[in-house]
Amino acid sequence: MLRGFRLMEMHCVRYFLAVADTLNFTRAAERCRVRQPSLTRAIKKLEEELGGELFYRERTHTHLTELGRSMLPLLKQCYASALDAEALAVKHRRGEYTALRLAISHTIAMDLLADHLKELNRVLPKVEIEYFRGTAVDIIEFLKHGEAELAIAGPLGEDWDRLDSWSLFDEEFVLAVSECHPYATQESIELSQLCDIPIMIRPYCESYSDFVDLFDAMGITLQQVQLIRQDGDLLPLIKVGLGASLIPRSVGTGYGFRMIAIKDAGLKRNVCLYSVAGRKRTVAAAALTGLLCSENWEEMAN
């Protein structure tokens, strides 16, 4: 129904909203600071565009028609969006606005990025950041469709020729257990010992399929398994002793539970910053890329 409706006609929408609010053409014209004939012509033009009358006009009363009532919430939203777009354009012209859309894997602790994001906010005080969380598949889709400019994740498992990546750090996977867990006093364990304890699995982890392949190759069958959907649920459950889990060392830092090395398993991941080659970056994306790539991440591997 709004086919062909143009931004230049937003004044018609504004006049309609004023009449819908006052139910009086004279008062609406006064509110909009226009002559009543101009307002009436604008409403008529809008009615022609929408294909029907918007108001019942009576001598002392004006009422919305069924079409008017149906269009009211849509046109309110339309007008508000136009105002938002105009305000945003003004900010861009004045250099007051910069935005960043950042995708972060479910397996990346925000603690790792908090200081860098704080520094970004110091350098660009008016930066607006939109965060996305997801699996490796989600991260790829966010980047491909332009929903995110940058992404931070482990291996994404897709060979896409437009995917740029910068390695930030490598880290090992450890067995996270509570302080009261039977394995809590051990410095390291064999991978086969996981068969003897309740294990919480993280199917959203980028390395999940690697674990499955490794367990199959070693003939390891986990006996007591719980499936967890996010680290925010996992970590409190580990802390109170409801199970153990294989997690990246950085994920468990600061939670007050034991992280035990896995002997000879070679369970590691490479955390990278990703973007799409050839796409122009915002000032905020370029600044965060510089901050992350200039950081000394060596301690992450320990």
C-alpha atoms as a PDB file:
ATOM      1  CA  MET A   1       0.000   0.000   0.000  1.00  0.00           C
ATOM      2  CA  LEU A   2       2.934   2.324   0.618  1.00  0.00           C
ATOM      3  CA  ARG A   3       4.378   1.677  -2.861  1.00  0.00           C
ATOM      4  CA  GLY A   4       5.955   4.864  -4.188  1.00  0.00           C
ATOM      5  CA  PHE A   5       5.718   6.695  -0.861  1.00  0.00           C
ATOM      6  CA  ARG A   6       8.704   9.055  -0.663  1.00  0.00           C
ATOM      7  CA  LEU A   7      10.713  10.531   2.198  1.00  0.00           C
ATOM      8  CA  MET A   8      10.028  14.028   0.788  1.00  0.00           C
ATOM      9  CA  GLU A   9       6.346  13.534   1.751  1.00  0.00           C
ATOM     10  CA  MET A  10       7.043  13.098   5.462  1.00  0.00           C
ATOM     11  CA  HIS A  11       5.321  16.438   6.053  1.00  0.00           C
ATOM     12  CA  CYS A  12       2.064  14.781   4.954  1.00  0.00           C
ATOM     13  CA  VAL A  13       2.575  12.095   7.571  1.00  0.00           C
ATOM     14  CA  ARG A  14       3.330  14.735  10.194  1.00  0.00           C
ATOM     15  CA  TYR A  15       0.117  16.563   9.388  1.00  0.00           C
ATOM     16  CA  PHE A  16      -1.864  13.307   9.522  1.00  0.00           C
ATOM     17  CA  LEU A  17      -0.467  12.483  12.964  1.00  0.00           C
ATOM     18  CA  ALA A  18      -1.354  15.967  14.224  1.00  0.00           C
ATOM     19  CA  VAL A  19      -4.955  15.629  13.026  1.00  0.00           C
ATOM     20  CA  ALA A  20      -5.195  12.097  14.431  1.00  0.00           C
ATOM     21  CA  ASP A  21      -4.061  13.425  17.804  1.00  0.00           C
ATOM     22  CA  THR A  22      -6.227  16.566  17.955  1.00  0.00           C
ATOM     23  CA  LEU A  23      -9.158  15.342  15.807  1.00  0.00           C
ATOM     24  CA  ASN A  24      -9.403  18.947  14.681  1.00  0.00           C
ATOM     25  CA  PHE A  25      -7.960  20.327  11.424  1.00  0.00           C
ATOM     26  CA  THR A  26      -7.683  23.867  12.741  1.00  0.00           C
ATOM     27  CA  ARG A  27      -5.760  22.917  15.883  1.00  0.00           C
ATOM     28  CA  ALA A  28      -3.605  20.508  13.895  1.00  0.00           C
ATOM     29  CA  ALA A  29      -2.671  23.297  11.489  1.00  0.00           C
ATOM     30  CA  GLU A  30      -1.778  25.566  14.402  1.00  0.00           C
ATOM     31  CA  ARG A  31       0.386  22.827  15.941  1.00  0.00           C
ATOM     32  CA  CYS A  32       2.189  22.261  12.644  1.00  0.00           C
ATOM     33  CA  ARG A  33       2.450  26.011  12.010  1.00  0.00           C
ATOM     34  CA  VAL A  34       0.903  25.880   8.560  1.00  0.00           C
ATOM     35  CA  ARG A  35      -2.228  27.303   7.038  1.00  0.00           C
ATOM     36  CA  GLN A  36      -5.242  24.999   7.267  1.00  0.00           C
ATOM     37  CA  PRO A  37      -5.725  24.770   3.461  1.00  0.00           C
ATOM     38  CA  SER A  38      -2.102  23.555   3.116  1.00  0.00           C
ATOM     39  CA  LEU A  39      -2.671  20.919   5.788  1.00  0.00           C
ATOM     40  CA  THR A  40      -5.931  19.825   4.167  1.00  0.00           C
ATOM     41  CA  ARG A  41      -4.252  19.464   0.748  1.00  0.00           C
ATOM     42  CA  ALA A  42      -1.457  17.384   2.307  1.00  0.00           C
ATOM     43  CA  ILE A  43      -3.976  15.054   3.979  1.00  0.00           C
ATOM     44  CA  LYS A  44      -5.826  14.714   0.664  1.00  0.00           C
ATOM     45  CA  LYS A  45      -2.569  13.840  -1.087  1.00  0.00           C
ATOM     46  CA  LEU A  46      -1.846  11.189   1.517  1.00  0.00           C
ATOM     47  CA  GLU A  47      -5.334   9.740   1.139  1.00  0.00           C
ATOM     48  CA  GLU A  48      -4.814   9.499  -2.629  1.00  0.00           C
ATOM     49  CA  GLU A  49      -1.518   7.735  -2.048  1.00  0.00           C
ATOM     50  CA  LEU A  50      -3.083   5.249   0.378  1.00  0.00           C
ATOM     51  CA  GLY A  51      -6.223   4.687  -1.619  1.00  0.00           C
ATOM     52  CA  GLY A  52      -8.952   5.850   0.755  1.00  0.00           C
ATOM     53  CA  GLU A  53     -10.182   8.414   3.233  1.00  0.00           C
ATOM     54  CA  LEU A  54      -8.349   8.688   6.548  1.00  0.00           C
ATOM     55  CA  PHE A  55     -10.856  10.861   8.397  1.00  0.00           C
ATOM     56  CA  TYR A  56     -14.611  11.343   8.635  1.00  0.00           C
ATOM     57  CA  ARG A  57     -15.044  15.109   8.463  1.00  0.00           C
ATOM     58  CA  GLU A  58     -18.002  16.539  10.339  1.00  0.00           C
ATOM     59  CA  ARG A  59     -18.845  20.126  11.226  1.00  0.00           C
ATOM     60  CA  THR A  60     -17.858  19.818  14.880  1.00  0.00           C
ATOM     61  CA  HIS A  61     -16.203  16.419  15.007  1.00  0.00           C
ATOM     62  CA  THR A  62     -13.478  14.596  13.079  1.00  0.00           C
ATOM     63  CA  HIS A  63     -12.904  10.859  13.424  1.00  0.00           C
ATOM     64  CA  LEU A  64     -10.461   8.362  11.989  1.00  0.00           C
ATOM     65  CA  THR A  65     -11.849   5.993   9.387  1.00  0.00           C
ATOM     66  CA  GLU A  66     -11.084   2.287   9.534  1.00  0.00           C
ATOM     67  CA  LEU A  67      -8.212   2.908   7.117  1.00  0.00           C
ATOM     68  CA  GLY A  68      -7.015   5.793   9.292  1.00  0.00           C
ATOM     69  CA  ARG A  69      -7.026   3.640  12.420  1.00  0.00           C
ATOM     70  CA  SER A  70      -5.142   0.883  10.574  1.00  0.00           C
ATOM     71  CA  MET A  71      -2.520   3.265   9.236  1.00  0.00           C
ATOM     72  CA  LEU A  72      -1.975   5.255  12.433  1.00  0.00           C
ATOM     73  CA  PRO A  73       0.580   2.928  14.149  1.00  0.00           C
ATOM     74  CA  LEU A  74       2.399   2.304  10.859  1.00  0.00           C
ATOM     75  CA  LEU A  75       2.684   5.978  10.027  1.00  0.00           C
ATOM     76  CA  LYS A  76       3.799   6.779  13.585  1.00  0.00           C
ATOM     77  CA  GLN A  77       6.613   4.285  13.178  1.00  0.00           C
ATOM     78  CA  CYS A  78       7.392   5.590   9.692  1.00  0.00           C
ATOM     79  CA  TYR A  79       7.659   9.171  10.924  1.00  0.00           C
ATOM     80  CA  ALA A  80       9.747   8.235  13.970  1.00  0.00           C
ATOM     81  CA  SER A  81      12.146   6.292  11.736  1.00  0.00           C
ATOM     82  CA  ALA A  82      12.455   9.282   9.414  1.00  0.00           C
ATOM     83  CA  LEU A  83      13.323  11.536  12.347  1.00  0.00           C
ATOM     84  CA  ASP A  84      15.883   9.018  13.591  1.00  0.00           C
ATOM     85  CA  ALA A  85      17.434   8.797  10.128  1.00  0.00           C
ATOM     86  CA  GLU A  86      17.641  12.577   9.878  1.00  0.00           C
ATOM     87  CA  ALA A  87      19.261  12.865  13.308  1.00  0.00           C
ATOM     88  CA  LEU A  88      21.767  10.140  12.441  1.00  0.00           C
ATOM     89  CA  ALA A  89      22.639  11.863   9.165  1.00  0.00           C
ATOM     90  CA  VAL A  90      23.304  15.096  11.037  1.00  0.00           C
ATOM     91  CA  LYS A  91      25.626  13.275  13.445  1.00  0.00           C
ATOM     92  CA  HIS A  92      27.510  11.750  10.520  1.00  0.00           C
ATOM     93  CA  ARG A  93      27.922  15.126   8.853  1.00  0.00           C
ATOM     94  CA  ARG A  94      29.250  16.629  12.061  1.00  0.00           C
ATOM     95  CA  GLY A  95      31.598  13.694  12.657  1.00  0.00           C
ATOM     96  CA  GLU A  96      29.831  12.954  15.937  1.00  0.00           C
ATOM     97  CA  TYR A  97      28.839   9.363  15.183  1.00  0.00           C
ATOM     98  CA  THR A  98      30.655   6.112  14.583  1.00  0.00           C
ATOM     99  CA  ALA A  99      29.323   2.608  15.001  1.00  0.00           C
ATOM    100  CA  LEU A 100      30.708  -0.894  15.284  1.00  0.00           C
ATOM    101  CA  ARG A 101      28.936  -4.222  14.834  1.00  0.00           C
ATOM    102  CA  LEU A 102      30.976  -6.877  16.607  1.00  0.00           C
ATOM    103  CA  ALA A 103      30.311 -10.624  16.526  1.00  0.00           C
ATOM    104  CA  ILE A 104      31.788 -12.690  19.360  1.00  0.00           C
ATOM    105  CA  SER A 105      31.777 -16.448  19.651  1.00  0.00           C
ATOM    106  CA  HIS A 106      29.868 -18.004  22.539  1.00  0.00           C
ATOM    107  CA  THR A 107      33.253 -19.399  23.636  1.00  0.00           C
ATOM    108  CA  ILE A 108      35.031 -16.048  24.029  1.00  0.00           C
ATOM    109  CA  ALA A 109      34.881 -14.555  27.522  1.00  0.00           C
ATOM    110  CA  MET A 110      34.007 -10.862  27.447  1.00  0.00           C
ATOM    111  CA  ASP A 111      36.639 -10.364  30.158  1.00  0.00           C
ATOM    112  CA  LEU A 112      39.259 -10.776  27.426  1.00  0.00           C
ATOM    113  CA  LEU A 113      37.911  -7.814  25.486  1.00  0.00           C
ATOM    114  CA  ALA A 114      36.607  -5.474  28.186  1.00  0.00           C
ATOM    115  CA  ASP A 115      39.784  -3.401  28.557  1.00  0.00           C
ATOM    116  CA  HIS A 116      40.158  -3.014  24.792  1.00  0.00           C
ATOM    117  CA  LEU A 117      36.540  -1.935  24.429  1.00  0.00           C
ATOM    118  CA  LYS A 118      37.034   0.546  27.262  1.00  0.00           C
ATOM    119  CA  GLU A 119      40.047   1.986  25.447  1.00  0.00           C
ATOM    120  CA  LEU A 120      38.038   2.166  22.224  1.00  0.00           C
ATOM    121  CA  ASN A 121      35.387   4.143  24.088  1.00  0.00           C
ATOM    122  CA  ARG A 122      38.074   6.483  25.425  1.00  0.00           C
ATOM    123  CA  VAL A 123      39.437   7.126  21.927  1.00  0.00           C
ATOM    124  CA  LEU A 124      35.963   7.358  20.371  1.00  0.00           C
ATOM    125  CA  PRO A 125      33.670   8.556  23.185  1.00  0.00           C
ATOM    126  CA  LYS A 126      30.534   8.491  21.036  1.00  0.00           C
ATOM    127  CA  VAL A 127      31.038   5.072  19.486  1.00  0.00           C
ATOM    128  CA  GLU A 128      27.919   2.919  19.411  1.00  0.00           C
ATOM    129  CA  ILE A 129      28.598  -0.830  19.548  1.00  0.00           C
ATOM    130  CA  GLU A 130      26.169  -3.603  18.699  1.00  0.00           C
ATOM    131  CA  TYR A 131      27.195  -7.044  19.917  1.00  0.00           C
ATOM    132  CA  PHE A 132      26.263 -10.387  18.381  1.00  0.00           C
ATOM    133  CA  ARG A 133      26.878 -13.784  19.955  1.00  0.00           C
ATOM    134  CA  GLY A 134      26.874 -17.055  18.052  1.00  0.00           C
ATOM    135  CA  THR A 135      28.450 -20.332  17.010  1.00  0.00           C
ATOM    136  CA  ALA A 136      31.096 -20.632  14.304  1.00  0.00           C
ATOM    137  CA  VAL A 137      28.325 -21.011  11.704  1.00  0.00           C
ATOM    138  CA  ASP A 138      26.574 -17.907  13.048  1.00  0.00           C
ATOM    139  CA  ILE A 139      29.798 -15.881  12.973  1.00  0.00           C
ATOM    140  CA  ILE A 140      30.360 -16.688   9.298  1.00  0.00           C
ATOM    141  CA  GLU A 141      26.783 -15.696   8.458  1.00  0.00           C
ATOM    142  CA  PHE A 142      27.065 -12.425  10.410  1.00  0.00           C
ATOM    143  CA  LEU A 143      30.158 -11.520   8.383  1.00  0.00           C
ATOM    144  CA  LYS A 144      28.869 -12.697   5.006  1.00  0.00           C
ATOM    145  CA  HIS A 145      25.632 -10.746   5.270  1.00  0.00           C
ATOM    146  CA  GLY A 146      27.234  -7.587   6.657  1.00  0.00           C
ATOM    147  CA  GLU A 147      25.525  -7.842  10.041  1.00  0.00           C
ATOM    148  CA  ALA A 148      28.950  -7.664  11.698  1.00  0.00           C
ATOM    149  CA  GLU A 149      32.103  -5.819  10.637  1.00  0.00           C
ATOM    150  CA  LEU A 150      34.468  -7.699  12.908  1.00  0.00           C
ATOM    151  CA  ALA A 151      34.319 -11.041  14.669  1.00  0.00           C
ATOM    152  CA  ILE A 152      36.342 -12.700  17.412  1.00  0.00           C
ATOM    153  CA  ALA A 153      36.278 -16.477  17.632  1.00  0.00           C
ATOM    154  CA  GLY A 154      38.237 -19.688  17.516  1.00  0.00           C
ATOM    155  CA  PRO A 155      38.631 -21.620  14.223  1.00  0.00           C
ATOM    156  CA  LEU A 156      35.526 -21.089  12.084  1.00  0.00           C
ATOM    157  CA  GLY A 157      36.000 -24.229  10.025  1.00  0.00           C
ATOM    158  CA  GLU A 158      35.163 -22.643   6.658  1.00  0.00           C
ATOM    159  CA  ASP A 159      37.545 -21.854   3.825  1.00  0.00           C
ATOM    160  CA  TRP A 160      35.990 -18.617   2.533  1.00  0.00           C
ATOM    161  CA  ASP A 161      38.285 -16.672   0.213  1.00  0.00           C
ATOM    162  CA  ARG A 162      36.962 -13.304   1.443  1.00  0.00           C
ATOM    163  CA  LEU A 163      37.651 -14.036   5.098  1.00  0.00           C
ATOM    164  CA  ASP A 164      40.552 -12.054   6.555  1.00  0.00           C
ATOM    165  CA  SER A 165      41.934 -13.207   9.882  1.00  0.00           C
ATOM    166  CA  TRP A 166      44.541 -12.069  12.382  1.00  0.00           C
ATOM    167  CA  SER A 167      45.766 -14.551  14.959  1.00  0.00           C
ATOM    168  CA  LEU A 168      45.501 -13.129  18.482  1.00  0.00           C
ATOM    169  CA  PHE A 169      46.638 -16.037  20.674  1.00  0.00           C
ATOM    170  CA  ASP A 170      46.742 -19.803  21.138  1.00  0.00           C
ATOM    171  CA  GLU A 171      45.515 -21.443  24.307  1.00  0.00           C
ATOM    172  CA  GLU A 172      45.055 -24.935  25.649  1.00  0.00           C
ATOM    173  CA  PHE A 173      41.886 -26.656  26.711  1.00  0.00           C
ATOM    174  CA  VAL A 174      41.818 -27.773  30.324  1.00  0.00           C
ATOM    175  CA  LEU A 175      39.469 -29.756  32.533  1.00  0.00           C
ATOM    176  CA  ALA A 176      37.578 -27.319  34.747  1.00  0.00           C
ATOM    177  CA  VAL A 177      36.397 -28.740  38.087  1.00  0.00           C
ATOM    178  CA  SER A 178      35.201 -27.388  41.423  1.00  0.00           C
ATOM    179  CA  GLU A 179      37.504 -27.147  44.421  1.00  0.00           C
ATOM    180  CA  CYS A 180      35.742 -30.166  45.959  1.00  0.00           C
ATOM    181  CA  HIS A 181      35.966 -32.369  42.866  1.00  0.00           C
ATOM    182  CA  PRO A 182      37.823 -35.726  43.208  1.00  0.00           C
ATOM    183  CA  TYR A 183      40.342 -34.535  40.590  1.00  0.00           C
ATOM    184  CA  ALA A 184      40.847 -31.097  42.155  1.00  0.00           C
ATOM    185  CA  THR A 185      44.209 -31.985  43.719  1.00  0.00           C
ATOM    186  CA  GLN A 186      45.720 -33.289  40.484  1.00  0.00           C
ATOM    187  CA  GLU A 187      47.934 -31.169  38.267  1.00  0.00           C
ATOM    188  CA  SER A 188      47.109 -33.194  35.148  1.00  0.00           C
ATOM    189  CA  ILE A 189      45.039 -36.186  34.057  1.00  0.00           C
ATOM    190  CA  GLU A 190      44.820 -38.620  31.172  1.00  0.00           C
ATOM    191  CA  LEU A 191      42.045 -37.996  28.673  1.00  0.00           C
ATOM    192  CA  SER A 192      40.682 -41.482  29.333  1.00  0.00           C
ATOM    193  CA  GLN A 193      39.912 -40.490  32.935  1.00  0.00           C
ATOM    194  CA  LEU A 194      36.987 -38.396  31.676  1.00  0.00           C
ATOM    195  CA  CYS A 195      35.018 -41.648  31.417  1.00  0.00           C
ATOM    196  CA  ASP A 196      34.879 -41.838  35.220  1.00  0.00           C
ATOM    197  CA  ILE A 197      33.235 -38.486  35.985  1.00  0.00           C
ATOM    198  CA  PRO A 198      30.144 -36.490  34.930  1.00  0.00           C
ATOM    199  CA  ILE A 199      31.061 -34.316  31.949  1.00  0.00           C
ATOM    200  CA  MET A 200      29.270 -31.219  30.683  1.00  0.00           C
ATOM    201  CA  ILE A 201      29.536 -30.881  26.914  1.00  0.00           C
ATOM    202  CA  ARG A 202      29.709 -27.562  25.018  1.00  0.00           C
ATOM    203  CA  PRO A 203      28.282 -28.327  21.524  1.00  0.00           C
ATOM    204  CA  TYR A 204      28.492 -24.624  20.582  1.00  0.00           C
ATOM    205  CA  CYS A 205      32.304 -24.712  20.850  1.00  0.00           C
ATOM    206  CA  GLU A 206      34.243 -24.291  17.590  1.00  0.00           C
ATOM    207  CA  SER A 207      36.417 -27.272  18.600  1.00  0.00           C
ATOM    208  CA  TYR A 208      33.507 -29.579  19.480  1.00  0.00           C
ATOM    209  CA  SER A 209      33.832 -31.738  16.347  1.00  0.00           C
ATOM    210  CA  ASP A 210      37.587 -32.085  17.004  1.00  0.00           C
ATOM    211  CA  PHE A 211      36.827 -33.465  20.466  1.00  0.00           C
ATOM    212  CA  VAL A 212      34.339 -35.956  19.042  1.00  0.00           C
ATOM    213  CA  ASP A 213      36.903 -37.159  16.489  1.00  0.00           C
ATOM    214  CA  LEU A 214      39.592 -37.434  19.160  1.00  0.00           C
ATOM    215  CA  PHE A 215      37.359 -39.405  21.540  1.00  0.00           C
ATOM    216  CA  ASP A 216      36.369 -41.763  18.706  1.00  0.00           C
ATOM    217  CA  ALA A 217      39.991 -42.273  17.677  1.00  0.00           C
ATOM    218  CA  MET A 218      40.981 -43.099  21.263  1.00  0.00           C
ATOM    219  CA  GLY A 219      37.938 -45.297  21.895  1.00  0.00           C
ATOM    220  CA  ILE A 220      36.712 -43.028  24.704  1.00  0.00           C
ATOM    221  CA  THR A 221      33.016 -43.141  25.557  1.00  0.00           C
ATOM    222  CA  LEU A 222      31.743 -40.597  28.064  1.00  0.00           C
ATOM    223  CA  GLN A 223      29.309 -42.217  30.480  1.00  0.00           C
ATOM    224  CA  GLN A 224      27.578 -39.264  32.179  1.00  0.00           C
ATOM    225  CA  VAL A 225      26.989 -36.366  29.822  1.00  0.00           C
ATOM    226  CA  GLN A 226      25.089 -33.099  30.194  1.00  0.00           C
ATOM    227  CA  LEU A 227      24.597 -30.777  27.206  1.00  0.00           C
ATOM    228  CA  ILE A 228      25.037 -27.092  28.014  1.00  0.00           C
ATOM    229  CA  ARG A 229      24.087 -24.297  25.622  1.00  0.00           C
ATOM    230  CA  GLN A 230      26.195 -21.375  26.854  1.00  0.00           C
ATOM    231  CA  ASP A 231      29.201 -20.716  29.067  1.00  0.00           C
ATOM    232  CA  GLY A 232      27.094 -18.438  31.250  1.00  0.00           C
ATOM    233  CA  ASP A 233      25.215 -21.541  32.420  1.00  0.00           C
ATOM    234  CA  LEU A 234      28.204 -23.846  32.411  1.00  0.00           C
ATOM    235  CA  LEU A 235      30.570 -22.009  34.731  1.00  0.00           C
ATOM    236  CA  PRO A 236      28.268 -21.725  37.790  1.00  0.00           C
ATOM    237  CA  LEU A 237      27.421 -25.434  37.469  1.00  0.00           C
ATOM    238  CA  ILE A 238      31.109 -26.364  37.475  1.00  0.00           C
ATOM    239  CA  LYS A 239      31.747 -24.123  40.455  1.00  0.00           C
ATOM    240  CA  VAL A 240      29.156 -25.890  42.641  1.00  0.00           C
ATOM    241  CA  GLY A 241      30.404 -29.338  41.634  1.00  0.00           C
ATOM    242  CA  LEU A 242      27.638 -30.558  39.304  1.00  0.00           C
ATOM    243  CA  GLY A 243      30.151 -31.704  36.729  1.00  0.00           C
ATOM    244  CA  ALA A 244      33.399 -31.000  34.895  1.00  0.00           C
ATOM    245  CA  SER A 245      34.026 -29.664  31.395  1.00  0.00           C
ATOM    246  CA  LEU A 246      36.745 -29.204  28.827  1.00  0.00           C
ATOM    247  CA  ILE A 247      37.060 -25.455  28.334  1.00  0.00           C
ATOM    248  CA  PRO A 248      39.634 -22.993  26.960  1.00  0.00           C
ATOM    249  CA  ARG A 249      41.818 -21.772  29.811  1.00  0.00           C
ATOM    250  CA  SER A 250      40.795 -18.128  29.321  1.00  0.00           C
ATOM    251  CA  VAL A 251      37.104 -18.998  29.795  1.00  0.00           C
ATOM    252  CA  GLY A 252      37.689 -20.276  33.317  1.00  0.00           C
ATOM    253  CA  THR A 253      40.020 -17.522  34.521  1.00  0.00           C
ATOM    254  CA  GLY A 254      38.725 -15.733  37.592  1.00  0.00           C
ATOM    255  CA  TYR A 255      35.913 -18.154  38.483  1.00  0.00           C
ATOM    256  CA  GLY A 256      37.617 -19.773  41.465  1.00  0.00           C
ATOM    257  CA  PHE A 257      37.701 -23.360  40.268  1.00  0.00           C
ATOM    258  CA  ARG A 258      40.516 -25.711  39.370  1.00  0.00           C
ATOM    259  CA  MET A 259      41.792 -26.016  35.799  1.00  0.00           C
ATOM    260  CA  ILE A 260      43.638 -29.271  35.204  1.00  0.00           C
ATOM    261  CA  ALA A 261      45.962 -29.951  32.273  1.00  0.00           C
ATOM    262  CA  ILE A 262      45.172 -32.852  29.921  1.00  0.00           C
ATOM    263  CA  LYS A 263      48.212 -35.062  29.273  1.00  0.00           C
ATOM    264  CA  ASP A 264      49.365 -35.570  25.672  1.00  0.00           C
ATOM    265  CA  ALA A 265      46.017 -34.608  24.168  1.00  0.00           C
ATOM    266  CA  GLY A 266      47.225 -31.528  22.312  1.00  0.00           C
ATOM    267  CA  LEU A 267      43.885 -29.814  22.814  1.00  0.00           C
ATOM    268  CA  LYS A 268      44.423 -26.191  21.784  1.00  0.00           C
ATOM    269  CA  ARG A 269      42.655 -23.468  19.863  1.00  0.00           C
ATOM    270  CA  ASN A 270      43.725 -20.379  17.967  1.00  0.00           C
ATOM    271  CA  VAL A 271      41.644 -17.283  18.715  1.00  0.00           C
ATOM    272  CA  CYS A 272      41.458 -14.865  15.788  1.00  0.00           C
ATOM    273  CA  LEU A 273      40.026 -11.527  14.761  1.00  0.00           C
ATOM    274  CA  TYR A 274      38.016 -11.844  11.535  1.00  0.00           C
ATOM    275  CA  SER A 275      36.697  -9.433   8.931  1.00  0.00           C
ATOM    276  CA  VAL A 276      35.650  -9.493   5.286  1.00  0.00           C
ATOM    277  CA  ALA A 277      38.303  -8.615   2.713  1.00  0.00           C
ATOM    278  CA  GLY A 278      37.529  -5.635   0.520  1.00  0.00           C
ATOM    279  CA  ARG A 279      34.851  -4.078   2.691  1.00  0.00           C
ATOM    280  CA  LYS A 280      35.371  -0.526   3.846  1.00  0.00           C
ATOM    281  CA  ARG A 281      35.771  -0.371   7.622  1.00  0.00           C
ATOM    282  CA  THR A 282      34.337   2.189   9.951  1.00  0.00           C
ATOM    283  CA  VAL A 283      36.663   4.274  12.090  1.00  0.00           C
ATOM    284  CA  ALA A 284      35.608   2.192  15.110  1.00  0.00           C
ATOM    285  CA  ALA A 285      36.377  -1.123  13.371  1.00  0.00           C
ATOM    286  CA  ALA A 286      39.800   0.094  12.299  1.00  0.00           C
ATOM    287  CA  ALA A 287      40.557   1.380  15.803  1.00  0.00           C
ATOM    288  CA  LEU A 288      39.553  -1.878  17.518  1.00  0.00           C
ATOM    289  CA  THR A 289      41.552  -3.894  14.986  1.00  0.00           C
ATOM    290  CA  GLY A 290      44.617  -1.838  15.867  1.00  0.00           C
ATOM    291  CA  LEU A 291      44.053  -2.246  19.598  1.00  0.00           C
ATOM    292  CA  LEU A 292      43.614  -6.014  19.423  1.00  0.00           C
ATOM    293  CA  CYS A 293      46.437  -6.697  16.986  1.00  0.00           C
ATOM    294  CA  SER A 294      48.936  -4.566  18.915  1.00  0.00           C
ATOM    295  CA  GLU A 295      48.188  -6.334  22.221  1.00  0.00           C
ATOM    296  CA  ASN A 296      50.710  -8.756  23.697  1.00  0.00           C
ATOM    297  CA  TRP A 297      48.570 -11.870  24.091  1.00  0.00           C
ATOM    298  CA  GLU A 298      51.441 -14.167  25.059  1.00  0.00           C
ATOM    299  CA  GLU A 299      50.137 -14.697  28.591  1.00  0.00           C
ATOM    300  CA  MET A 300      46.931 -16.166  27.132  1.00  0.00           C
ATOM    301  CA  ALA A 301      48.855 -19.264  26.211  1.00  0.00           C
ATOM    302  CA  ASN A 302      49.898 -19.929  29.808  1.00  0.00           C
END
